[in-house]
């Protein structure tokens, strides 16, 4: 469910991007990547990047 707070946050992120901020992907569930196996790490990074790109366009970096 998308709430008005979620829409507000998405709008703010879009404003930050428009102001030149870079958005980096860093995982879907914010778990420590050091504790995950390779398949889970790959899913975390790919899925979070995919979600961000669907919302905001190309994502070229990871933040960890």
Protein backbone atom coordinates (compact mmCIF):
# COMPACT_ATOMS: atom_id res chain seq x y z
CA UNK A 1 0.00 0.00 0.00
CA UNK A 2 1.35 3.42 -0.93
CA UNK A 3 0.61 6.01 1.72
CA UNK A 4 0.74 9.78 1.46
CA UNK A 5 3.95 9.67 3.51
CA UNK A 6 5.51 7.29 0.98
CA UNK A 7 4.52 9.63 -1.85
CA UNK A 8 6.01 12.57 0.03
CA UNK A 9 9.29 10.73 0.58
CA UNK A 10 9.45 9.67 -3.09
CA UNK A 11 8.83 13.28 -4.11
CA UNK A 12 11.63 14.48 -1.84
CA UNK A 13 14.05 11.92 -3.24
CA UNK A 14 13.14 13.06 -6.77
CA UNK A 15 13.85 16.66 -5.72
CA UNK A 16 17.25 15.65 -4.32
CA UNK A 17 18.10 13.89 -7.58
CA UNK A 18 17.01 16.97 -9.51
CA UNK A 19 19.34 19.05 -7.33
CA UNK A 20 22.28 16.85 -8.29
CA UNK A 21 22.33 14.29 -5.49
CA UNK A 22 23.35 10.77 -6.44
CA UNK A 23 21.17 7.89 -5.27
CA UNK A 24 22.98 4.60 -4.58
CA UNK A 25 21.45 1.18 -4.20
CA UNK A 26 22.33 -0.77 -1.05
CA UNK A 27 19.95 -3.66 -0.54
CA UNK A 28 16.25 -4.29 -0.17
CA UNK A 29 16.07 -5.32 3.49
CA UNK A 30 19.13 -3.44 4.82
CA UNK A 31 20.70 -6.64 6.11
CA UNK A 32 24.46 -6.80 6.52
CA UNK A 33 25.82 -8.19 3.27
CA UNK A 34 28.63 -9.78 5.29
CA UNK A 35 26.10 -12.21 6.78
CA UNK A 36 24.48 -13.31 3.51
CA UNK A 37 25.46 -15.99 1.04
CA UNK A 38 26.42 -15.06 -2.52
CA UNK A 39 22.94 -15.68 -3.96
CA UNK A 40 21.28 -13.49 -1.34
CA UNK A 41 23.84 -10.71 -1.84
CA UNK A 42 23.23 -10.79 -5.57
CA UNK A 43 19.45 -10.63 -5.08
CA UNK A 44 19.71 -7.77 -2.55
CA UNK A 45 21.86 -5.65 -4.85
CA UNK A 46 20.05 -6.38 -8.10
CA UNK A 47 16.54 -6.03 -6.69
CA UNK A 48 17.23 -2.77 -4.85
CA UNK A 49 18.81 -1.31 -7.99
CA UNK A 50 15.81 -2.43 -10.06
CA UNK A 51 13.32 -0.84 -7.65
CA UNK A 52 15.21 2.47 -7.57
CA UNK A 53 15.54 2.55 -11.36
CA UNK A 54 11.81 1.93 -11.78
CA UNK A 55 11.13 4.93 -9.53
CA UNK A 56 13.90 7.37 -10.45
CA UNK A 57 15.82 6.24 -13.54
CA UNK A 58 19.38 4.95 -13.88
CA UNK A 59 21.31 4.04 -10.74
CA UNK A 60 25.06 3.82 -11.30
CA UNK A 61 26.44 3.25 -7.81
CA UNK A 62 26.03 1.28 -4.61
CA UNK A 63 26.11 2.78 -1.14
CA UNK A 64 27.31 0.47 1.59
